[in-house]
Structure formats: structure tokens, C-alpha cells
Amino acid sequence: MSALPRIVAAGAGRMGQGIAQVFAYAGYEVSLVDLKTRPDAQTALFAKTALAQIEKNLRFLASLDVLPDDKIPPIMARIHFQAEPEADQALSQADFIFEGVPEVLEIKEPALERISQANEQAVIASTTSTMVVTQLADFVNNPARFLNAHWLNPAYLIPLVEVSPGPATARESTASLMTLLKHVGKRPVRCAARPGYIVPRLQAAAMNEAVRMVEEGVASPAEIDEAVRVGFGVRYATMGLIEFIDWGGVDILYYASNYLKDALPDRRFEPPPVIAEMMEDGRRGMREGQGFYDYREMDVAVYQHDMLARFVRLLSHMELLAAPAD
């Protein structure tokens, strides 16, 4: 990107603040737009509080030597708070608009209508964590430039953004948004217009299972959290869930899931039909050369070495790697 596009975070709450910080940090001029009508005194206080929170985040990074102190003023200078009366002008000048108003349909609808009427050209991305793009696209004129972009809090730290286009979304809109996000250091992944995206759906399943284990007396909350921190969490920080299935073998998941389904018993542990199909087809993972991924043209030994080396570095950084005996 040569000339940096103009960015608007529409909705100046926590998500809008985080998005504004990300783009200002990367050198973009950003308008942080408040879409709510407030008395002048409340507007001034709200603006002061929002900008103070962003500066607090930056000073936190500086305290960890991630950011030099002298970078904070120019970053803050690139963030321009716009109160509701100035909203339409700021929106009209944007190339990308991130809608981040509260997760209430009765608030989303007028906000998206206003955004799309004020600007008929910009790519518009809703940051909703609960509503699918097909539910919101009707509120936007020219829905070819509309899609969802789900940021994870804190938005200024978590690299992932889940990008979910709808049936009407133009390929160019998706591609331009993905490019923009990569340019500011994010790691966008594309997902279909389904409830829960990727992470919230995985997260809900894992959290509910953790609570069930507390209820059943399997372990205490502290023991479950420790198991996640030093086992589950570090494992999947270096390797994806699907990747791990191939690494260990599809057969391990197949037999373990069927055992749990019968032993607990509960159908939620039953493996999905594709696992049985892969077993029958001999696509059982890395050992057979094919699983969810294709390893036939890969140097598997190098891949395994690199993956384990990454795991060791992470364990060492987290001070979880055991020292050898003297």
C-alpha cells in the first residue's frame, strides 16, 4: 500500500478504541467516531476517557519495553475523536469503516444504515461477535462492500481477526480488507457466515466442558486452569487443533472420542462422520502422508523438528521447561 487509506472506527467504546489504537500504531490517521448523541459535557468527558484509555494501553506497552516512550505522542496525534454531530463528515471521507456499536440489533440497524448512507464507497466491516453477516447486510446499501471482521479483545494485542463475508460480499472487498489487516500486523482468517465464527465457537465448547468438569467433581477450578495453562494452552499455541489431529493420527481421535462417548456417556464426544470416512480411506494423518493436510510433498522430518523447536522455545520463555539434573 502506497497511500494509506483513511480509517474510521464507528463506535468509540472498547472495541473502537482498540481498533483506533491498532491503526494509529501502524501509522494510519484514524477517526474514532462516537455515534451516540450526548450533551456537550458528557461528550467531552467521554472523549477524554476514551483517549486516556488508549494512552494507558500504550504506556503499558512502553513499560514492557515493547514501545519507546517517545512514540506515544505521535501515535496519539493520529487518533482524531469525532463527536456525533461530526460523524457523517468523518464517515464520508473514509476508505474503511469498522462498525463497533453495542451488540443489540436495534442499535446495529440504524448505525449501519447511517454509515452506509454517509459513505457509498467505503468497505464497511461490522465487528460484531454474535450476529452473522447475512443478518446485517440488509441494513447496508450496496452490500457488496459489507462483511464482518471479528476482532478479539484486547484488539490492540490479539493478532487474530476473523473475516466473514456474506453471499453478497464482493471478492474485492474481502481481499482489500484482508490486505489492510495484514498491513497493520494482524493475522486475518476467513470463515463462513455461521454463528460463532471460529474462536468463540471453540471457546464456548471448551469453557462449558471446563464448567461441567467442576460440576462433576472431576477437578477443582484451579486444577483445571493449571491443566489448561501448562498443557492444553501451550500445546495449541504452537500447533492448531486440526494440525494436531494429523500429527497424532486421526485414529487416536476416532478411538478416544468413541471411548468417551460410551464411557461418560454423551453424544457430544462422538466424532463427526468425516473422521470415520478418513479412517476408511486410509487418510489417517501424517504417518500415512494424508489427513486433513497433504504431507506427500513435504519434508516431514524438517516440519516435525521445526514444530518441536517452536514448542521448546515457548516452554522455555514461559519458564515451564524442566532443567536437567546436575
C-alpha atoms as a PDB file:
ATOM      1  CA  MET A   1       0.000   0.000   0.000  1.00  0.00           C
ATOM      2  CA  SER A   2       1.479   3.326  -1.047  1.00  0.00           C
ATOM      3  CA  ALA A   3      -1.033   5.973   0.095  1.00  0.00           C
ATOM      4  CA  LEU A   4      -2.521   4.836   3.377  1.00  0.00           C
ATOM      5  CA  PRO A   5      -6.309   4.541   3.323  1.00  0.00           C
ATOM      6  CA  ARG A   6      -8.464   6.584   5.668  1.00  0.00           C
ATOM      7  CA  ILE A   7      -9.845   4.608   8.597  1.00  0.00           C
ATOM      8  CA  VAL A   8     -12.920   5.193  10.743  1.00  0.00           C
ATOM      9  CA  ALA A   9     -13.784   3.286  13.906  1.00  0.00           C
ATOM     10  CA  ALA A  10     -17.521   3.956  14.197  1.00  0.00           C
ATOM     11  CA  GLY A  11     -18.434   3.465  17.827  1.00  0.00           C
ATOM     12  CA  ALA A  12     -15.971   4.753  20.401  1.00  0.00           C
ATOM     13  CA  GLY A  13     -16.278   2.057  23.048  1.00  0.00           C
ATOM     14  CA  ARG A  14     -13.664  -0.525  23.958  1.00  0.00           C
ATOM     15  CA  MET A  15     -13.573  -2.185  20.524  1.00  0.00           C
ATOM     16  CA  GLY A  16     -13.450   1.109  18.646  1.00  0.00           C
ATOM     17  CA  GLN A  17     -10.663   2.330  20.906  1.00  0.00           C
ATOM     18  CA  GLY A  18      -8.662  -0.841  20.305  1.00  0.00           C
ATOM     19  CA  ILE A  19      -9.085  -0.624  16.530  1.00  0.00           C
ATOM     20  CA  ALA A  20      -8.120   3.053  16.505  1.00  0.00           C
ATOM     21  CA  GLN A  21      -5.009   2.216  18.506  1.00  0.00           C
ATOM     22  CA  VAL A  22      -4.004  -0.568  16.103  1.00  0.00           C
ATOM     23  CA  PHE A  23      -4.189   1.647  13.034  1.00  0.00           C
ATOM     24  CA  ALA A  24      -2.590   4.700  14.647  1.00  0.00           C
ATOM     25  CA  TYR A  25       0.214   2.455  15.937  1.00  0.00           C
ATOM     26  CA  ALA A  26       0.789   1.316  12.335  1.00  0.00           C
ATOM     27  CA  GLY A  27       0.964   4.899  11.056  1.00  0.00           C
ATOM     28  CA  TYR A  28      -2.604   5.499   9.887  1.00  0.00           C
ATOM     29  CA  GLU A  29      -4.746   8.540  10.554  1.00  0.00           C
ATOM     30  CA  VAL A  30      -7.868   7.269  12.326  1.00  0.00           C
ATOM     31  CA  SER A  31     -11.182   8.874  13.192  1.00  0.00           C
ATOM     32  CA  LEU A  32     -12.692   7.470  16.383  1.00  0.00           C
ATOM     33  CA  VAL A  33     -16.340   8.374  15.849  1.00  0.00           C
ATOM     34  CA  ASP A  34     -18.971   8.481  18.558  1.00  0.00           C
ATOM     35  CA  LEU A  35     -22.385   7.721  17.048  1.00  0.00           C
ATOM     36  CA  LYS A  36     -24.322   8.398  20.229  1.00  0.00           C
ATOM     37  CA  THR A  37     -25.906  11.794  20.870  1.00  0.00           C
ATOM     38  CA  ARG A  38     -24.717  13.219  24.196  1.00  0.00           C
ATOM     39  CA  PRO A  39     -24.816  16.574  25.994  1.00  0.00           C
ATOM     40  CA  ASP A  40     -21.653  18.614  25.415  1.00  0.00           C
ATOM     41  CA  ALA A  41     -20.278  17.962  28.888  1.00  0.00           C
ATOM     42  CA  GLN A  42     -20.768  14.191  28.536  1.00  0.00           C
ATOM     43  CA  THR A  43     -19.203  14.249  25.088  1.00  0.00           C
ATOM     44  CA  ALA A  44     -16.094  15.990  26.405  1.00  0.00           C
ATOM     45  CA  LEU A  45     -15.794  13.523  29.282  1.00  0.00           C
ATOM     46  CA  PHE A  46     -16.385  10.529  27.006  1.00  0.00           C
ATOM     47  CA  ALA A  47     -13.728  11.707  24.545  1.00  0.00           C
ATOM     48  CA  LYS A  48     -11.245  12.345  27.349  1.00  0.00           C
ATOM     49  CA  THR A  49     -11.886   8.920  28.877  1.00  0.00           C
ATOM     50  CA  ALA A  50     -11.592   7.076  25.554  1.00  0.00           C
ATOM     51  CA  LEU A  51      -8.324   8.743  24.570  1.00  0.00           C
ATOM     52  CA  ALA A  52      -6.944   8.301  28.085  1.00  0.00           C
ATOM     53  CA  GLN A  53      -7.604   4.557  27.870  1.00  0.00           C
ATOM     54  CA  ILE A  54      -5.714   4.306  24.577  1.00  0.00           C
ATOM     55  CA  GLU A  55      -2.784   6.240  26.044  1.00  0.00           C
ATOM     56  CA  LYS A  56      -2.857   3.975  29.095  1.00  0.00           C
ATOM     57  CA  ASN A  57      -2.586   0.934  26.803  1.00  0.00           C
ATOM     58  CA  LEU A  58       0.377   2.487  25.011  1.00  0.00           C
ATOM     59  CA  ARG A  59       2.124   3.338  28.276  1.00  0.00           C
ATOM     60  CA  PHE A  60       1.589  -0.242  29.393  1.00  0.00           C
ATOM     61  CA  LEU A  61       3.414  -1.420  26.254  1.00  0.00           C
ATOM     62  CA  ALA A  62       6.169   1.115  26.921  1.00  0.00           C
ATOM     63  CA  SER A  63       6.564  -0.215  30.466  1.00  0.00           C
ATOM     64  CA  LEU A  64       7.323  -3.629  28.946  1.00  0.00           C
ATOM     65  CA  ASP A  65       9.896  -2.126  26.536  1.00  0.00           C
ATOM     66  CA  VAL A  66       7.703  -3.001  23.559  1.00  0.00           C
ATOM     67  CA  LEU A  67       7.253   0.648  22.604  1.00  0.00           C
ATOM     68  CA  PRO A  68       9.599   3.618  23.131  1.00  0.00           C
ATOM     69  CA  ASP A  69       8.029   6.363  25.237  1.00  0.00           C
ATOM     70  CA  ASP A  70       8.691   8.984  22.565  1.00  0.00           C
ATOM     71  CA  LYS A  71       6.462   7.076  20.095  1.00  0.00           C
ATOM     72  CA  ILE A  72       3.360   7.594  22.221  1.00  0.00           C
ATOM     73  CA  PRO A  73       2.631  11.282  21.370  1.00  0.00           C
ATOM     74  CA  PRO A  74       2.753  10.805  17.571  1.00  0.00           C
ATOM     75  CA  ILE A  75       0.549   7.704  17.832  1.00  0.00           C
ATOM     76  CA  MET A  76      -1.999   9.606  19.898  1.00  0.00           C
ATOM     77  CA  ALA A  77      -1.842  12.530  17.453  1.00  0.00           C
ATOM     78  CA  ARG A  78      -3.018  10.227  14.658  1.00  0.00           C
ATOM     79  CA  ILE A  79      -6.263   9.444  16.522  1.00  0.00           C
ATOM     80  CA  HIS A  80      -9.000  12.032  15.971  1.00  0.00           C
ATOM     81  CA  PHE A  81     -12.064  11.806  18.178  1.00  0.00           C
ATOM     82  CA  GLN A  82     -15.225  12.883  16.361  1.00  0.00           C
ATOM     83  CA  ALA A  83     -18.404  13.556  18.330  1.00  0.00           C
ATOM     84  CA  GLU A  84     -21.820  12.577  16.940  1.00  0.00           C
ATOM     85  CA  PRO A  85     -22.503  15.906  15.145  1.00  0.00           C
ATOM     86  CA  GLU A  86     -19.248  15.421  13.189  1.00  0.00           C
ATOM     87  CA  ALA A  87     -19.870  11.741  12.458  1.00  0.00           C
ATOM     88  CA  ASP A  88     -21.279  11.991   8.928  1.00  0.00           C
ATOM     89  CA  GLN A  89     -18.408  14.131   7.698  1.00  0.00           C
ATOM     90  CA  ALA A  90     -15.815  11.721   9.108  1.00  0.00           C
ATOM     91  CA  LEU A  91     -17.680   8.712   7.688  1.00  0.00           C
ATOM     92  CA  SER A  92     -17.962  10.286   4.238  1.00  0.00           C
ATOM     93  CA  GLN A  93     -14.182  10.580   3.944  1.00  0.00           C
ATOM     94  CA  ALA A  94     -13.292   7.017   4.946  1.00  0.00           C
ATOM     95  CA  ASP A  95     -11.960   4.180   2.814  1.00  0.00           C
ATOM     96  CA  PHE A  96     -12.587   1.547   5.503  1.00  0.00           C
ATOM     97  CA  ILE A  97     -15.168   1.783   8.280  1.00  0.00           C
ATOM     98  CA  PHE A  98     -15.245  -0.580  11.248  1.00  0.00           C
ATOM     99  CA  GLU A  99     -18.655  -0.540  12.964  1.00  0.00           C
ATOM    100  CA  GLY A 100     -18.338  -1.270  16.671  1.00  0.00           C
ATOM    101  CA  VAL A 101     -21.578  -0.207  18.350  1.00  0.00           C
ATOM    102  CA  PRO A 102     -23.167  -2.385  21.089  1.00  0.00           C
ATOM    103  CA  GLU A 103     -24.345  -5.914  20.273  1.00  0.00           C
ATOM    104  CA  VAL A 104     -28.026  -5.016  20.036  1.00  0.00           C
ATOM    105  CA  LEU A 105     -29.817  -5.355  16.705  1.00  0.00           C
ATOM    106  CA  GLU A 106     -31.901  -2.252  17.362  1.00  0.00           C
ATOM    107  CA  ILE A 107     -28.638  -0.297  17.689  1.00  0.00           C
ATOM    108  CA  LYS A 108     -26.789  -2.033  14.852  1.00  0.00           C
ATOM    109  CA  GLU A 109     -29.512  -1.403  12.286  1.00  0.00           C
ATOM    110  CA  PRO A 110     -29.632   2.430  12.442  1.00  0.00           C
ATOM    111  CA  ALA A 111     -25.849   2.627  12.864  1.00  0.00           C
ATOM    112  CA  LEU A 112     -25.177   0.610   9.702  1.00  0.00           C
ATOM    113  CA  GLU A 113     -27.849   2.478   7.776  1.00  0.00           C
ATOM    114  CA  ARG A 114     -26.307   5.788   8.776  1.00  0.00           C
ATOM    115  CA  ILE A 115     -22.778   4.626   7.961  1.00  0.00           C
ATOM    116  CA  SER A 116     -23.710   3.341   4.506  1.00  0.00           C
ATOM    117  CA  GLN A 117     -25.777   6.428   3.666  1.00  0.00           C
ATOM    118  CA  ALA A 118     -22.976   8.768   4.701  1.00  0.00           C
ATOM    119  CA  ASN A 119     -20.491   6.850   2.563  1.00  0.00           C
ATOM    120  CA  GLU A 120     -21.482   4.865  -0.536  1.00  0.00           C
ATOM    121  CA  GLN A 121     -17.985   3.664  -1.458  1.00  0.00           C
ATOM    122  CA  ALA A 122     -16.089   2.545   1.662  1.00  0.00           C
ATOM    123  CA  VAL A 123     -15.646  -1.072   2.697  1.00  0.00           C
ATOM    124  CA  ILE A 124     -17.769  -1.497   5.827  1.00  0.00           C
ATOM    125  CA  ALA A 125     -16.955  -4.179   8.386  1.00  0.00           C
ATOM    126  CA  SER A 126     -19.064  -4.930  11.431  1.00  0.00           C
ATOM    127  CA  THR A 127     -17.034  -6.088  14.424  1.00  0.00           C
ATOM    128  CA  THR A 128     -19.993  -7.983  15.889  1.00  0.00           C
ATOM    129  CA  SER A 129     -19.144 -11.128  17.835  1.00  0.00           C
ATOM    130  CA  THR A 130     -22.657 -12.584  17.693  1.00  0.00           C
ATOM    131  CA  MET A 131     -24.540 -11.558  14.533  1.00  0.00           C
ATOM    132  CA  VAL A 132     -23.839 -13.196  11.181  1.00  0.00           C
ATOM    133  CA  VAL A 133     -23.155 -11.006   8.181  1.00  0.00           C
ATOM    134  CA  THR A 134     -26.338 -12.160   6.419  1.00  0.00           C
ATOM    135  CA  GLN A 135     -28.366 -10.782   9.335  1.00  0.00           C
ATOM    136  CA  LEU A 136     -26.798  -7.326   8.971  1.00  0.00           C
ATOM    137  CA  ALA A 137     -26.241  -6.939   5.223  1.00  0.00           C
ATOM    138  CA  ASP A 138     -29.794  -5.730   4.591  1.00  0.00           C
ATOM    139  CA  PHE A 139     -29.046  -2.599   6.605  1.00  0.00           C
ATOM    140  CA  VAL A 140     -26.272  -1.535   4.199  1.00  0.00           C
ATOM    141  CA  ASN A 141     -26.780  -0.069   0.771  1.00  0.00           C
ATOM    142  CA  ASN A 142     -24.524  -1.820  -1.729  1.00  0.00           C
ATOM    143  CA  PRO A 143     -23.850  -4.889   0.464  1.00  0.00           C
ATOM    144  CA  ALA A 144     -21.080  -5.944  -1.928  1.00  0.00           C
ATOM    145  CA  ARG A 145     -18.748  -3.799   0.211  1.00  0.00           C
ATOM    146  CA  PHE A 146     -20.018  -5.200   3.549  1.00  0.00           C
ATOM    147  CA  LEU A 147     -18.677  -8.057   5.694  1.00  0.00           C
ATOM    148  CA  ASN A 148     -17.920  -8.927   9.300  1.00  0.00           C
ATOM    149  CA  ALA A 149     -14.497  -8.519  10.910  1.00  0.00           C
ATOM    150  CA  HIS A 150     -14.463 -10.040  14.383  1.00  0.00           C
ATOM    151  CA  TRP A 151     -11.566  -8.746  16.483  1.00  0.00           C
ATOM    152  CA  LEU A 152     -10.703 -10.447  19.773  1.00  0.00           C
ATOM    153  CA  ASN A 153     -10.226  -8.323  22.874  1.00  0.00           C
ATOM    154  CA  PRO A 154      -7.902  -6.749  23.638  1.00  0.00           C
ATOM    155  CA  ALA A 155      -7.929  -5.761  19.985  1.00  0.00           C
ATOM    156  CA  TYR A 156      -4.579  -3.985  20.200  1.00  0.00           C
ATOM    157  CA  LEU A 157      -2.855  -7.188  21.348  1.00  0.00           C
ATOM    158  CA  ILE A 158      -4.581 -10.250  19.827  1.00  0.00           C
ATOM    159  CA  PRO A 159      -3.265 -10.822  16.280  1.00  0.00           C
ATOM    160  CA  LEU A 160      -6.334 -12.688  15.015  1.00  0.00           C
ATOM    161  CA  VAL A 161      -9.211 -11.072  13.132  1.00  0.00           C
ATOM    162  CA  GLU A 162     -11.941 -13.422  11.855  1.00  0.00           C
ATOM    163  CA  VAL A 163     -13.195 -12.134   8.499  1.00  0.00           C
ATOM    164  CA  SER A 164     -16.641 -13.359   7.459  1.00  0.00           C
ATOM    165  CA  PRO A 165     -18.012 -12.272   4.067  1.00  0.00           C
ATOM    166  CA  GLY A 166     -21.623 -12.869   3.071  1.00  0.00           C
ATOM    167  CA  PRO A 167     -23.103 -14.170  -0.184  1.00  0.00           C
ATOM    168  CA  ALA A 168     -23.382 -10.595  -1.485  1.00  0.00           C
ATOM    169  CA  THR A 169     -19.868  -9.541  -0.471  1.00  0.00           C
ATOM    170  CA  ALA A 170     -17.604  -8.824  -3.433  1.00  0.00           C
ATOM    171  CA  ARG A 171     -14.311 -10.700  -3.555  1.00  0.00           C
ATOM    172  CA  GLU A 172     -12.520  -7.385  -3.912  1.00  0.00           C
ATOM    173  CA  SER A 173     -13.975  -6.163  -0.618  1.00  0.00           C
ATOM    174  CA  THR A 174     -12.797  -9.257   1.226  1.00  0.00           C
ATOM    175  CA  ALA A 175      -9.363  -9.146  -0.380  1.00  0.00           C
ATOM    176  CA  SER A 176      -8.838  -5.454   0.341  1.00  0.00           C
ATOM    177  CA  LEU A 177      -9.839  -5.868   3.986  1.00  0.00           C
ATOM    178  CA  MET A 178      -7.570  -8.897   4.427  1.00  0.00           C
ATOM    179  CA  THR A 179      -4.671  -6.934   2.896  1.00  0.00           C
ATOM    180  CA  LEU A 180      -5.346  -3.955   5.156  1.00  0.00           C
ATOM    181  CA  LEU A 181      -5.390  -6.117   8.287  1.00  0.00           C
ATOM    182  CA  LYS A 182      -2.144  -7.834   7.343  1.00  0.00           C
ATOM    183  CA  HIS A 183      -0.566  -4.433   6.729  1.00  0.00           C
ATOM    184  CA  VAL A 184      -1.168  -3.428  10.352  1.00  0.00           C
ATOM    185  CA  GLY A 185       0.254  -6.691  11.713  1.00  0.00           C
ATOM    186  CA  LYS A 186      -2.956  -8.688  12.143  1.00  0.00           C
ATOM    187  CA  ARG A 187      -3.426 -12.325  11.128  1.00  0.00           C
ATOM    188  CA  PRO A 188      -6.843 -12.462   9.429  1.00  0.00           C
ATOM    189  CA  VAL A 189      -8.559 -15.783   8.764  1.00  0.00           C
ATOM    190  CA  ARG A 190     -11.624 -16.192   6.607  1.00  0.00           C
ATOM    191  CA  CYS A 191     -14.694 -18.074   7.817  1.00  0.00           C
ATOM    192  CA  ALA A 192     -18.207 -18.702   6.519  1.00  0.00           C
ATOM    193  CA  ALA A 193     -21.238 -16.787   7.699  1.00  0.00           C
ATOM    194  CA  ARG A 194     -22.061 -19.110  10.586  1.00  0.00           C
ATOM    195  CA  PRO A 195     -22.879 -18.292  14.213  1.00  0.00           C
ATOM    196  CA  GLY A 196     -19.853 -18.296  16.493  1.00  0.00           C
ATOM    197  CA  TYR A 197     -17.118 -17.711  13.905  1.00  0.00           C
ATOM    198  CA  ILE A 198     -14.127 -19.956  14.806  1.00  0.00           C
ATOM    199  CA  VAL A 199     -12.697 -18.924  18.163  1.00  0.00           C
ATOM    200  CA  PRO A 200     -15.958 -18.131  20.002  1.00  0.00           C
ATOM    201  CA  ARG A 201     -17.389 -21.492  18.935  1.00  0.00           C
ATOM    202  CA  LEU A 202     -14.301 -23.406  20.076  1.00  0.00           C
ATOM    203  CA  GLN A 203     -14.113 -21.284  23.196  1.00  0.00           C
ATOM    204  CA  ALA A 204     -17.753 -21.913  24.161  1.00  0.00           C
ATOM    205  CA  ALA A 205     -17.286 -25.679  23.836  1.00  0.00           C
ATOM    206  CA  ALA A 206     -14.090 -25.655  25.922  1.00  0.00           C
ATOM    207  CA  MET A 207     -15.448 -23.311  28.608  1.00  0.00           C
ATOM    208  CA  ASN A 208     -18.678 -25.263  29.018  1.00  0.00           C
ATOM    209  CA  GLU A 209     -16.742 -28.525  29.285  1.00  0.00           C
ATOM    210  CA  ALA A 210     -14.475 -26.999  31.941  1.00  0.00           C
ATOM    211  CA  VAL A 211     -17.520 -25.949  33.966  1.00  0.00           C
ATOM    212  CA  ARG A 212     -19.062 -29.422  33.571  1.00  0.00           C
ATOM    213  CA  MET A 213     -15.882 -30.947  34.994  1.00  0.00           C
ATOM    214  CA  VAL A 214     -16.133 -28.653  38.024  1.00  0.00           C
ATOM    215  CA  GLU A 215     -19.781 -29.642  38.458  1.00  0.00           C
ATOM    216  CA  GLU A 216     -18.947 -33.332  38.204  1.00  0.00           C
ATOM    217  CA  GLY A 217     -16.088 -33.074  40.682  1.00  0.00           C
ATOM    218  CA  VAL A 218     -13.501 -34.139  38.120  1.00  0.00           C
ATOM    219  CA  ALA A 219     -11.119 -31.435  39.351  1.00  0.00           C
ATOM    220  CA  SER A 220     -11.164 -28.087  41.099  1.00  0.00           C
ATOM    221  CA  PRO A 221     -11.307 -24.830  39.104  1.00  0.00           C
ATOM    222  CA  ALA A 222      -7.649 -24.171  39.998  1.00  0.00           C
ATOM    223  CA  GLU A 223      -6.559 -27.620  38.822  1.00  0.00           C
ATOM    224  CA  ILE A 224      -8.462 -27.303  35.562  1.00  0.00           C
ATOM    225  CA  ASP A 225      -6.979 -23.859  34.918  1.00  0.00           C
ATOM    226  CA  GLU A 226      -3.478 -25.144  35.656  1.00  0.00           C
ATOM    227  CA  ALA A 227      -4.022 -28.016  33.217  1.00  0.00           C
ATOM    228  CA  VAL A 228      -5.065 -25.525  30.546  1.00  0.00           C
ATOM    229  CA  ARG A 229      -2.150 -23.158  31.211  1.00  0.00           C
ATOM    230  CA  VAL A 230       0.639 -25.749  31.201  1.00  0.00           C
ATOM    231  CA  GLY A 231      -0.859 -28.377  28.890  1.00  0.00           C
ATOM    232  CA  PHE A 232      -3.770 -27.567  26.622  1.00  0.00           C
ATOM    233  CA  GLY A 233      -2.880 -23.907  26.140  1.00  0.00           C
ATOM    234  CA  VAL A 234       0.822 -24.215  25.338  1.00  0.00           C
ATOM    235  CA  ARG A 235       0.222 -27.173  23.050  1.00  0.00           C
ATOM    236  CA  TYR A 236      -2.231 -25.299  20.873  1.00  0.00           C
ATOM    237  CA  ALA A 237      -0.262 -22.071  20.959  1.00  0.00           C
ATOM    238  CA  THR A 238       2.271 -23.813  18.729  1.00  0.00           C
ATOM    239  CA  MET A 239       0.034 -26.167  16.765  1.00  0.00           C
ATOM    240  CA  GLY A 240      -3.547 -25.840  15.522  1.00  0.00           C
ATOM    241  CA  LEU A 241      -6.256 -28.287  16.564  1.00  0.00           C
ATOM    242  CA  ILE A 242      -6.630 -29.799  13.090  1.00  0.00           C
ATOM    243  CA  GLU A 243      -2.868 -29.905  12.683  1.00  0.00           C
ATOM    244  CA  PHE A 244      -2.581 -31.802  15.966  1.00  0.00           C
ATOM    245  CA  ILE A 245      -5.110 -34.407  14.803  1.00  0.00           C
ATOM    246  CA  ASP A 246      -2.880 -35.158  11.811  1.00  0.00           C
ATOM    247  CA  TRP A 247       0.259 -35.107  13.988  1.00  0.00           C
ATOM    248  CA  GLY A 248      -1.023 -37.720  16.422  1.00  0.00           C
ATOM    249  CA  GLY A 249      -3.223 -39.557  13.965  1.00  0.00           C
ATOM    250  CA  VAL A 250      -6.882 -39.433  13.039  1.00  0.00           C
ATOM    251  CA  ASP A 251      -7.221 -42.902  14.538  1.00  0.00           C
ATOM    252  CA  ILE A 252      -6.349 -41.570  18.018  1.00  0.00           C
ATOM    253  CA  LEU A 253      -9.191 -39.063  17.857  1.00  0.00           C
ATOM    254  CA  TYR A 254     -11.539 -41.726  16.484  1.00  0.00           C
ATOM    255  CA  TYR A 255     -10.910 -44.255  19.247  1.00  0.00           C
ATOM    256  CA  ALA A 256     -10.628 -41.721  22.077  1.00  0.00           C
ATOM    257  CA  SER A 257     -13.862 -39.970  21.073  1.00  0.00           C
ATOM    258  CA  ASN A 258     -15.816 -43.204  20.801  1.00  0.00           C
ATOM    259  CA  TYR A 259     -14.492 -44.322  24.181  1.00  0.00           C
ATOM    260  CA  LEU A 260     -15.564 -41.068  25.838  1.00  0.00           C
ATOM    261  CA  LYS A 261     -18.951 -41.190  24.103  1.00  0.00           C
ATOM    262  CA  ASP A 262     -19.632 -44.598  25.667  1.00  0.00           C
ATOM    263  CA  ALA A 263     -17.869 -44.114  28.996  1.00  0.00           C
ATOM    264  CA  LEU A 264     -19.356 -40.805  30.110  1.00  0.00           C
ATOM    265  CA  PRO A 265     -21.805 -41.283  28.170  1.00  0.00           C
ATOM    266  CA  ASP A 266     -22.690 -38.330  25.979  1.00  0.00           C
ATOM    267  CA  ARG A 267     -23.061 -37.878  22.241  1.00  0.00           C
ATOM    268  CA  ARG A 268     -21.170 -34.593  22.380  1.00  0.00           C
ATOM    269  CA  PHE A 269     -17.976 -36.682  22.395  1.00  0.00           C
ATOM    270  CA  GLU A 270     -18.969 -38.657  19.302  1.00  0.00           C
ATOM    271  CA  PRO A 271     -16.555 -37.963  16.421  1.00  0.00           C
ATOM    272  CA  PRO A 272     -18.067 -36.240  13.382  1.00  0.00           C
ATOM    273  CA  PRO A 273     -18.788 -38.535  10.386  1.00  0.00           C
ATOM    274  CA  VAL A 274     -15.799 -37.248   8.402  1.00  0.00           C
ATOM    275  CA  ILE A 275     -13.450 -38.896  10.923  1.00  0.00           C
ATOM    276  CA  ALA A 276     -14.888 -42.368  10.190  1.00  0.00           C
ATOM    277  CA  GLU A 277     -14.658 -41.609   6.455  1.00  0.00           C
ATOM    278  CA  MET A 278     -10.999 -40.681   6.785  1.00  0.00           C
ATOM    279  CA  MET A 279     -10.320 -43.878   8.722  1.00  0.00           C
ATOM    280  CA  GLU A 280     -11.890 -45.954   5.947  1.00  0.00           C
ATOM    281  CA  ASP A 281      -9.992 -44.072   3.235  1.00  0.00           C
ATOM    282  CA  GLY A 282      -6.632 -44.512   4.988  1.00  0.00           C
ATOM    283  CA  ARG A 283      -6.191 -40.744   5.400  1.00  0.00           C
ATOM    284  CA  ARG A 284      -5.114 -41.102   8.996  1.00  0.00           C
ATOM    285  CA  GLY A 285      -2.688 -38.243   9.239  1.00  0.00           C
ATOM    286  CA  MET A 286       0.994 -37.544   8.904  1.00  0.00           C
ATOM    287  CA  ARG A 287       2.083 -41.191   9.159  1.00  0.00           C
ATOM    288  CA  GLU A 288       0.075 -42.110   6.038  1.00  0.00           C
ATOM    289  CA  GLY A 289       1.016 -38.933   4.165  1.00  0.00           C
ATOM    290  CA  GLN A 290      -2.534 -37.581   4.147  1.00  0.00           C
ATOM    291  CA  GLY A 291      -5.003 -36.411   6.734  1.00  0.00           C
ATOM    292  CA  PHE A 292      -6.669 -33.023   6.785  1.00  0.00           C
ATOM    293  CA  TYR A 293      -3.409 -31.803   5.242  1.00  0.00           C
ATOM    294  CA  ASP A 294      -1.353 -33.371   2.453  1.00  0.00           C
ATOM    295  CA  TYR A 295       2.174 -34.335   3.550  1.00  0.00           C
ATOM    296  CA  ARG A 296       3.253 -36.232   0.438  1.00  0.00           C
ATOM    297  CA  GLU A 297       5.380 -33.390  -0.923  1.00  0.00           C
ATOM    298  CA  MET A 298       6.568 -32.225   2.498  1.00  0.00           C
ATOM    299  CA  ASP A 299       9.825 -32.981   4.314  1.00  0.00           C
ATOM    300  CA  VAL A 300       8.029 -34.320   7.370  1.00  0.00           C
ATOM    301  CA  ALA A 301      11.196 -34.672   9.432  1.00  0.00           C
ATOM    302  CA  VAL A 302      12.033 -30.976   8.999  1.00  0.00           C
ATOM    303  CA  TYR A 303       8.438 -29.998   9.753  1.00  0.00           C
ATOM    304  CA  GLN A 304       8.413 -32.065  12.956  1.00  0.00           C
ATOM    305  CA  HIS A 305      11.778 -30.644  14.049  1.00  0.00           C
ATOM    306  CA  ASP A 306      10.647 -27.046  13.465  1.00  0.00           C
ATOM    307  CA  MET A 307       7.358 -27.584  15.280  1.00  0.00           C
ATOM    308  CA  LEU A 308       9.010 -29.150  18.320  1.00  0.00           C
ATOM    309  CA  ALA A 309      11.700 -26.449  18.362  1.00  0.00           C
ATOM    310  CA  ARG A 310       8.958 -23.795  18.464  1.00  0.00           C
ATOM    311  CA  PHE A 311       7.314 -25.672  21.323  1.00  0.00           C
ATOM    312  CA  VAL A 312      10.583 -25.846  23.280  1.00  0.00           C
ATOM    313  CA  ARG A 313      11.185 -22.108  22.803  1.00  0.00           C
ATOM    314  CA  LEU A 314       7.710 -21.324  24.082  1.00  0.00           C
ATOM    315  CA  LEU A 315       8.101 -23.579  27.126  1.00  0.00           C
ATOM    316  CA  SER A 316      11.476 -22.030  27.859  1.00  0.00           C
ATOM    317  CA  HIS A 317      10.040 -18.487  27.568  1.00  0.00           C
ATOM    318  CA  MET A 318       7.220 -19.417  29.946  1.00  0.00           C
ATOM    319  CA  GLU A 319       9.715 -20.996  32.357  1.00  0.00           C
ATOM    320  CA  LEU A 320       7.969 -24.356  32.025  1.00  0.00           C
ATOM    321  CA  LEU A 321      10.922 -26.292  30.640  1.00  0.00           C
ATOM    322  CA  ALA A 322      12.482 -28.574  33.231  1.00  0.00           C
ATOM    323  CA  ALA A 323      16.215 -28.163  33.882  1.00  0.00           C
ATOM    324  CA  PRO A 324      18.451 -31.269  33.739  1.00  0.00           C
ATOM    325  CA  ALA A 325      19.847 -32.736  36.920  1.00  0.00           C
ATOM    326  CA  ASP A 326      23.408 -31.845  37.882  1.00  0.00           C
END
